[in-house]
Amino acid sequence: MLSLVNRAGAASTAVVIAVGVVLAAIVEEKVLPVGPRHRPVAAPGPARGGARHTPPSRSKQRHKPVSPTVLLDRQVQKLALRRRGAAARSEYGVRTVASPVVHQSRFDKKRRWVLGTEAIPPPDDSTAMPEASLFLAHATGRTWKAALAGSPDFAAMVTEAPTSILSAGERTTLRKFAAAKSTPAENAGGAPLMLPWAIGQSWTLVPTDRGLSFDGGDGRVLAASAGRVYRLCSSSPDRGLVLVIGDDGTATEYYQLDRLTEVPDGERVRQGDYLGHAGTDQPCGGGQASRPLVRFGLRGPDGPVSLDGWRIGGWTVHDAPGEAFAEREGLRVQAGNPLLNFGVDVSPSPSPSKPKPAPDRSPDPDTVPGGVDAQT
């Protein structure tokens, strides 16, 4: 009897084991499907929507289009470095210069023509005048043609530009600027220059890396000659390097000013008109000034013009490397000393003659003698 029970238990155990094996096989079939052994399996990749993701080729990637104004800024920067970079490095005494500051000042209605300015910033420790220029640009299709003042292309574009960009008066002035002379002898017949402050005031002559700087007096900086005014390095009307292109093409420049004149760019100022106050603002670069000054210089179509030998404000100015002074009738004023503004040179008086009776009329209030500050 016991033997029969043992046999039945063993049979039951065998049945359980057999059922377990069958169930294990069924589970294995469901979870791990049978297939050829050692079949290569593709490397897994990120799935998107149940399908394997293939990264797009670079050629199919879309880039955000660059605006025409940004393209023009880049083109003018490259042009300025190519044409004026060497001169700037020499003036600043450096091996490399910063990217030019470009401002697009004026557009025509279709925004196909642009009048603007560029300036290569001086280093923070430099007292040199910024290397700066006007430019004209014309859109041709999807590209720009740009030219800096002083180039043949600029002269041609001055003629071609529409009146919405250049008025007839500006066109004439810029043509004369393109033909301006760069030495005192060549400019002997040009308009006389005065020092950039009120006649009769004395300001201190301050030595700088290039050009002359002045401080003192009432701080009001005046136009050394009549001409058309332009702001460089800033889109704000009360900031910027001020350039006045004279009626004879001689351009004077004034840097480190604040509280600038309200006269719009391209409009005329008379000799002695207010331009701004001597200050510390340097929007074109050059670091922070330690005291209010006006930096004064001359600029031709191809770049800065040495002040050495020019007759300004009744003085013959000398601006040699490391030495600046002014002479008048045997008197010599070194840098660091006050310089009196005599106004402009006057031609010798003719021999006396019998005066003619003058008409009895009041003086014209709009008439201001040359070199006199109308706002004083």
Protein backbone atom coordinates (compact mmCIF):
# COMPACT_ATOMS: atom_id res chain seq x y z
CA MET A 1 0.00 0.00 0.00
CA LEU A 2 2.75 2.38 0.96
CA SER A 3 4.56 1.57 -2.26
CA LEU A 4 1.44 2.42 -4.26
CA VAL A 5 1.14 5.81 -2.53
CA ASN A 6 4.81 6.57 -3.19
CA ARG A 7 4.35 5.72 -6.84
CA ALA A 8 1.31 8.00 -7.10
CA GLY A 9 3.23 10.88 -5.44
CA ALA A 10 6.15 10.46 -7.80
CA ALA A 11 3.80 10.46 -10.77
CA SER A 12 2.13 13.63 -9.55
CA THR A 13 5.50 15.29 -9.08
CA ALA A 14 6.51 14.31 -12.62
CA VAL A 15 3.27 15.75 -14.00
CA VAL A 16 3.85 19.04 -12.14
CA ILE A 17 7.41 19.29 -13.44
CA ALA A 18 6.25 18.52 -17.00
CA VAL A 19 3.52 21.17 -16.80
CA GLY A 20 6.09 23.68 -15.43
CA VAL A 21 8.45 23.00 -18.32
CA VAL A 22 5.65 23.47 -20.85
CA LEU A 23 4.54 26.72 -19.23
CA ALA A 24 8.13 28.01 -19.14
CA ALA A 25 8.47 27.24 -22.83
CA ILE A 26 5.27 29.13 -23.60
CA VAL A 27 6.45 32.17 -21.59
CA GLU A 28 9.86 32.08 -23.30
CA GLU A 29 8.15 31.95 -26.69
CA LYS A 30 6.07 35.03 -25.86
CA VAL A 31 8.79 37.09 -24.25
CA LEU A 32 11.81 36.00 -26.28
CA PRO A 33 10.70 35.02 -29.78
CA VAL A 34 12.73 32.26 -31.33
CA GLY A 35 14.99 33.33 -34.16
CA PRO A 36 18.29 32.54 -35.74
CA ARG A 37 21.10 32.65 -33.27
CA HIS A 38 23.74 35.39 -33.58
CA ARG A 39 21.49 37.51 -35.89
CA PRO A 40 23.01 41.02 -36.11
CA VAL A 41 20.90 43.63 -34.39
CA ALA A 42 20.90 47.28 -35.52
CA ALA A 43 22.20 49.77 -33.00
CA PRO A 44 19.34 51.39 -31.14
CA GLY A 45 18.61 55.06 -31.83
CA PRO A 46 16.20 57.61 -30.48
CA ALA A 47 12.68 56.86 -31.56
CA ARG A 48 10.23 59.45 -32.86
CA GLY A 49 6.67 58.33 -33.60
CA GLY A 50 7.68 54.68 -33.39
CA ALA A 51 10.26 55.05 -36.17
CA ARG A 52 14.00 55.37 -35.98
CA HIS A 53 15.16 59.04 -36.12
CA THR A 54 17.72 60.06 -38.73
CA PRO A 55 19.49 63.38 -37.99
CA PRO A 56 18.96 65.94 -40.78
CA SER A 57 21.91 66.85 -42.92
CA ARG A 58 23.51 70.25 -42.35
CA SER A 59 22.62 71.32 -45.85
CA LYS A 60 18.95 71.09 -44.95
CA GLN A 61 19.22 73.22 -41.80
CA ARG A 62 17.68 76.67 -42.18
CA HIS A 63 19.43 79.78 -40.90
CA LYS A 64 17.64 82.95 -39.89
CA PRO A 65 18.17 85.55 -42.63
CA VAL A 66 20.39 88.53 -41.77
CA SER A 67 18.80 91.96 -42.20
CA PRO A 68 20.16 94.29 -44.90
CA THR A 69 21.20 96.87 -42.28
CA VAL A 70 23.31 94.29 -40.42
CA LEU A 71 24.90 93.20 -43.70
CA LEU A 72 25.75 96.83 -44.50
CA ASP A 73 27.28 97.39 -41.04
CA ARG A 74 29.53 94.36 -41.53
CA GLN A 75 30.53 95.47 -45.01
CA VAL A 76 31.42 99.00 -43.87
CA GLN A 77 33.43 97.61 -40.95
CA LYS A 78 35.50 95.46 -43.30
CA LEU A 79 35.91 98.37 -45.73
CA ALA A 80 37.04 100.74 -42.98
CA LEU A 81 39.61 98.28 -41.63
CA ARG A 82 40.92 97.62 -45.13
CA ARG A 83 41.23 101.29 -46.10
CA ARG A 84 41.97 102.99 -42.77
CA GLY A 85 43.12 100.20 -40.46
CA ALA A 86 46.83 100.76 -41.12
CA ALA A 87 46.51 104.51 -40.48
CA ALA A 88 44.60 103.86 -37.26
CA ARG A 89 47.20 101.38 -35.99
CA SER A 90 49.92 103.94 -36.71
CA GLU A 91 48.02 106.79 -35.04
CA TYR A 92 47.14 104.72 -31.96
CA GLY A 93 50.52 102.99 -31.71
CA VAL A 94 48.99 99.50 -31.56
CA ARG A 95 49.18 96.27 -33.57
CA THR A 96 45.45 95.61 -33.68
CA VAL A 97 42.41 97.85 -33.52
CA ALA A 98 38.82 97.30 -32.42
CA SER A 99 35.95 96.82 -34.84
CA PRO A 100 34.71 100.14 -36.28
CA VAL A 101 31.61 101.81 -34.87
CA VAL A 102 29.11 102.17 -37.73
CA HIS A 103 25.96 104.31 -37.76
CA GLN A 104 23.50 104.53 -40.62
CA SER A 105 22.30 108.12 -40.33
CA ARG A 106 20.00 108.70 -43.29
CA PHE A 107 17.96 106.59 -45.75
CA ASP A 108 15.99 107.35 -48.89
CA LYS A 109 12.31 106.38 -49.04
CA LYS A 110 13.01 102.97 -50.58
CA ARG A 111 15.93 102.38 -48.19
CA ARG A 112 18.21 101.71 -51.12
CA TRP A 113 20.59 104.60 -50.36
CA VAL A 114 22.30 105.26 -47.03
CA LEU A 115 24.47 108.07 -45.69
CA GLY A 116 26.36 107.08 -42.55
CA THR A 117 29.51 107.34 -40.47
CA GLU A 118 32.19 104.97 -39.20
CA ALA A 119 34.97 105.34 -36.65
CA ILE A 120 37.75 103.01 -35.53
CA PRO A 121 37.84 103.31 -31.69
CA PRO A 122 41.13 104.39 -30.08
CA PRO A 123 42.45 102.28 -27.19
CA ASP A 124 41.34 103.17 -23.68
CA ASP A 125 44.70 104.73 -22.83
CA SER A 126 45.01 106.82 -26.02
CA THR A 127 44.43 110.55 -26.44
CA ALA A 128 44.51 110.33 -30.23
CA MET A 129 41.56 111.61 -32.25
CA PRO A 130 39.42 108.70 -33.52
CA GLU A 131 40.02 107.62 -37.11
CA ALA A 132 36.60 108.39 -38.59
CA SER A 133 34.83 109.00 -41.89
CA LEU A 134 31.53 109.49 -43.70
CA PHE A 135 30.30 106.77 -46.06
CA LEU A 136 27.68 106.36 -48.76
CA ALA A 137 26.08 103.04 -49.71
CA HIS A 138 23.71 101.91 -52.47
CA ALA A 139 21.82 98.61 -52.53
CA THR A 140 22.17 96.75 -55.82
CA GLY A 141 19.96 93.68 -55.75
CA ARG A 142 20.76 91.75 -52.58
CA THR A 143 24.17 93.37 -52.05
CA TRP A 144 25.50 96.79 -51.05
CA LYS A 145 28.03 99.00 -52.74
CA ALA A 146 29.69 101.14 -50.05
CA ALA A 147 32.37 103.83 -50.25
CA LEU A 148 34.25 105.90 -47.66
CA ALA A 149 34.86 109.62 -48.08
CA GLY A 150 38.10 110.20 -49.94
CA SER A 151 37.64 107.36 -52.43
CA PRO A 152 36.73 107.79 -56.11
CA ASP A 153 33.62 105.68 -55.53
CA PHE A 154 32.45 108.09 -52.83
CA ALA A 155 32.89 111.08 -55.14
CA ALA A 156 30.87 109.30 -57.84
CA MET A 157 28.13 108.34 -55.38
CA VAL A 158 27.86 111.95 -54.16
CA THR A 159 26.78 112.81 -57.71
CA GLU A 160 24.44 109.82 -58.05
CA ALA A 161 22.72 109.94 -54.65
CA PRO A 162 19.07 111.09 -54.64
CA THR A 163 18.07 114.44 -53.14
CA SER A 164 16.36 112.61 -50.27
CA ILE A 165 19.86 111.61 -49.13
CA LEU A 166 21.89 114.68 -50.12
CA SER A 167 20.52 118.16 -50.61
CA ALA A 168 22.02 120.34 -53.32
CA GLY A 169 24.03 122.26 -50.71
CA GLU A 170 25.41 119.10 -49.12
CA ARG A 171 26.34 117.72 -52.50
CA THR A 172 28.38 120.85 -53.23
CA THR A 173 30.07 120.75 -49.82
CA LEU A 174 31.03 117.07 -50.09
CA ARG A 175 32.43 117.63 -53.58
CA LYS A 176 34.67 120.37 -52.19
CA PHE A 177 35.60 118.12 -49.27
CA ALA A 178 36.73 115.46 -51.76
CA ALA A 179 39.08 118.01 -53.34
CA ALA A 180 40.28 119.64 -50.09
CA LYS A 181 43.98 120.43 -49.65
CA SER A 182 45.95 119.07 -46.73
CA THR A 183 48.77 121.59 -46.15
CA PRO A 184 48.78 125.22 -45.03
CA ALA A 185 50.43 126.35 -48.27
CA GLU A 186 47.82 124.60 -50.40
CA ASN A 187 45.06 126.07 -48.27
CA ALA A 188 46.35 129.63 -48.34
CA GLY A 189 43.27 130.79 -50.25
CA GLY A 190 40.83 128.92 -48.05
CA ALA A 191 38.54 130.29 -45.39
CA PRO A 192 40.43 131.53 -42.29
CA LEU A 193 40.01 129.50 -39.12
CA MET A 194 39.50 130.70 -35.57
CA LEU A 195 40.20 128.83 -32.35
CA PRO A 196 37.14 126.89 -31.15
CA TRP A 197 36.01 129.24 -28.37
CA ALA A 198 34.84 132.83 -27.94
CA ILE A 199 37.08 135.59 -29.24
CA GLY A 200 38.90 137.32 -26.40
CA GLN A 201 38.93 134.28 -24.10
CA SER A 202 42.08 132.39 -23.16
CA TRP A 203 42.03 128.60 -22.92
CA THR A 204 44.88 126.31 -21.90
CA LEU A 205 46.70 124.42 -24.65
CA VAL A 206 46.85 120.75 -23.59
CA PRO A 207 49.24 118.30 -25.35
CA THR A 208 47.70 115.09 -26.75
CA ASP A 209 48.84 112.20 -28.98
CA ARG A 210 47.62 113.96 -32.12
CA GLY A 211 45.92 117.27 -32.72
CA LEU A 212 45.42 119.80 -29.95
CA SER A 213 43.24 119.86 -26.86
CA PHE A 214 42.00 122.87 -24.94
CA ASP A 215 40.23 123.57 -21.68
CA GLY A 216 39.16 126.64 -19.75
CA GLY A 217 37.08 129.71 -20.42
CA ASP A 218 33.32 129.26 -20.26
CA GLY A 219 33.58 125.72 -21.66
CA ARG A 220 31.48 126.57 -24.74
CA VAL A 221 33.00 125.13 -27.92
CA LEU A 222 32.36 127.12 -31.10
CA ALA A 223 32.74 126.34 -34.80
CA ALA A 224 36.18 127.32 -36.11
CA SER A 225 34.68 127.84 -39.57
CA ALA A 226 31.33 127.95 -41.30
CA GLY A 227 30.16 124.65 -42.76
CA ARG A 228 27.88 121.65 -42.42
CA VAL A 229 27.79 119.69 -39.19
CA TYR A 230 27.80 115.88 -38.78
CA ARG A 231 27.84 113.63 -35.69
CA LEU A 232 29.90 110.43 -35.67
CA CYS A 233 29.90 107.41 -33.32
CA SER A 234 26.43 108.02 -31.94
CA SER A 235 22.80 107.92 -33.02
CA SER A 236 21.89 110.34 -30.23
CA PRO A 237 21.59 114.02 -31.22
CA ASP A 238 23.38 115.17 -28.06
CA ARG A 239 26.45 112.91 -28.36
CA GLY A 240 29.22 112.19 -30.83
CA LEU A 241 32.39 113.35 -32.47
CA VAL A 242 31.43 116.57 -34.28
CA LEU A 243 32.68 117.11 -37.83
CA VAL A 244 32.16 120.46 -39.55
CA ILE A 245 32.93 120.39 -43.27
CA GLY A 246 33.74 123.96 -44.29
CA ASP A 247 32.47 125.77 -47.34
CA ASP A 248 35.94 125.45 -48.92
CA GLY A 249 36.13 121.72 -48.09
CA THR A 250 38.36 122.10 -45.02
CA ALA A 251 36.92 119.96 -42.21
CA THR A 252 37.40 120.64 -38.50
CA GLU A 253 36.61 118.01 -35.87
CA TYR A 254 35.71 118.33 -32.19
CA TYR A 255 35.78 115.43 -29.74
CA GLN A 256 34.87 114.92 -26.08
CA LEU A 257 31.86 117.24 -26.11
CA ASP A 258 28.54 117.08 -24.33
CA ARG A 259 25.34 119.14 -24.64
CA LEU A 260 25.72 119.28 -28.42
CA THR A 261 24.08 121.79 -30.69
CA GLU A 262 20.51 121.11 -31.81
CA VAL A 263 21.42 121.82 -35.44
CA PRO A 264 20.60 118.60 -37.39
CA ASP A 265 23.24 116.70 -39.31
CA GLY A 266 23.87 118.12 -42.76
CA GLU A 267 22.65 121.60 -41.83
CA ARG A 268 24.86 124.69 -41.80
CA VAL A 269 26.53 126.42 -38.88
CA ARG A 270 28.30 129.78 -39.05
CA GLN A 271 31.78 130.48 -37.81
CA GLY A 272 31.46 131.07 -34.08
CA ASP A 273 28.20 129.11 -33.69
CA TYR A 274 27.80 126.93 -30.61
CA LEU A 275 28.68 123.22 -31.07
CA GLY A 276 28.77 121.88 -27.53
CA HIS A 277 30.52 122.04 -24.15
CA ALA A 278 33.97 120.71 -23.36
CA GLY A 279 33.35 117.46 -21.50
CA THR A 280 34.54 113.94 -20.78
CA ASP A 281 32.26 111.91 -23.08
CA GLN A 282 34.14 109.73 -25.60
CA PRO A 283 31.55 107.82 -27.67
CA CYS A 284 34.15 106.73 -30.23
CA GLY A 285 36.42 105.18 -27.60
CA GLY A 286 39.57 106.34 -25.90
CA GLY A 287 38.77 105.64 -22.28
CA GLN A 288 37.38 107.94 -19.63
CA ALA A 289 38.82 111.45 -19.64
CA SER A 290 40.14 112.82 -16.38
CA ARG A 291 38.87 116.36 -16.99
CA PRO A 292 36.63 118.27 -19.40
CA LEU A 293 38.40 119.09 -22.67
CA VAL A 294 37.76 119.70 -26.31
CA ARG A 295 40.03 117.82 -28.70
CA PHE A 296 40.43 119.76 -31.90
CA GLY A 297 41.81 118.68 -35.26
CA LEU A 298 41.63 118.94 -39.03
CA ARG A 299 40.45 116.16 -41.31
CA GLY A 300 40.84 115.69 -45.03
CA PRO A 301 39.04 113.25 -47.29
CA ASP A 302 41.79 110.66 -46.80
CA GLY A 303 42.24 111.02 -43.05
CA PRO A 304 43.61 113.37 -40.39
CA VAL A 305 45.55 116.47 -41.40
CA SER A 306 48.48 117.72 -39.33
CA LEU A 307 47.87 121.08 -37.67
CA ASP A 308 51.55 121.93 -37.95
CA GLY A 309 52.00 125.29 -39.69
CA TRP A 310 48.32 126.22 -39.90
CA ARG A 311 47.21 129.75 -39.03
CA ILE A 312 44.34 129.44 -36.54
CA GLY A 313 42.85 132.12 -34.31
CA GLY A 314 45.65 134.57 -35.06
CA TRP A 315 48.37 132.04 -34.17
CA THR A 316 50.63 129.79 -36.22
CA VAL A 317 50.19 126.38 -34.67
CA HIS A 318 52.98 123.81 -34.35
CA ASP A 319 52.04 120.22 -33.60
CA ALA A 320 55.24 118.17 -33.74
CA PRO A 321 55.52 114.73 -32.05
CA GLY A 322 55.92 115.32 -28.32
CA GLU A 323 55.72 119.11 -28.64
CA ALA A 324 52.84 121.51 -29.24
CA PHE A 325 53.03 125.31 -29.20
CA ALA A 326 51.70 128.40 -30.94
CA GLU A 327 53.51 131.50 -32.22
CA ARG A 328 52.38 135.05 -32.95
CA GLU A 329 54.57 138.08 -33.66
CA GLY A 330 57.53 136.65 -31.79
CA LEU A 331 55.48 135.36 -28.85
CA ARG A 332 55.60 131.62 -28.25
CA VAL A 333 53.03 129.79 -26.08
CA GLN A 334 53.98 126.28 -25.00
CA ALA A 335 51.51 123.54 -24.09
CA GLY A 336 50.19 124.01 -20.58
CA ASN A 337 49.84 127.79 -20.95
CA PRO A 338 46.83 129.98 -21.84
CA LEU A 339 46.21 130.87 -25.47
CA LEU A 340 44.18 133.97 -26.37
CA ASN A 341 41.73 133.67 -29.27
CA PHE A 342 42.25 136.67 -31.59
CA GLY A 343 39.59 135.51 -34.04
CA VAL A 344 40.58 135.22 -37.69
CA ASP A 345 43.38 136.88 -39.57
CA VAL A 346 42.31 140.09 -41.27
CA SER A 347 43.86 141.34 -44.49
CA PRO A 348 45.95 144.54 -44.17
CA SER A 349 43.83 147.69 -44.28
CA PRO A 350 43.96 149.67 -47.53
CA SER A 351 45.39 153.21 -47.55
CA PRO A 352 43.01 155.74 -46.04
CA SER A 353 40.58 157.48 -48.36
CA LYS A 354 37.85 160.03 -47.95
CA PRO A 355 34.90 158.28 -46.33
CA LYS A 356 31.57 158.23 -48.09
CA PRO A 357 28.42 159.17 -46.21
CA ALA A 358 26.76 156.05 -44.83
CA PRO A 359 23.03 155.52 -45.19
CA ASP A 360 21.03 156.10 -42.03
CA ARG A 361 19.77 152.61 -41.23
CA SER A 362 19.86 150.21 -38.33
CA PRO A 363 22.24 147.26 -38.53
CA ASP A 364 20.81 143.97 -39.75
CA PRO A 365 20.22 141.84 -36.61
CA ASP A 366 20.89 138.66 -38.61
CA THR A 367 24.35 139.83 -39.66
CA VAL A 368 27.09 138.49 -37.39
CA PRO A 369 30.74 139.47 -38.01
CA GLY A 370 32.96 136.57 -38.94
CA GLY A 371 34.37 134.84 -35.88
CA VAL A 372 31.92 136.35 -33.41
CA ASP A 373 29.87 134.02 -31.23
CA ALA A 374 26.25 134.92 -31.93
CA GLN A 375 25.17 133.30 -28.66
CA THR A 376 27.51 135.19 -26.37
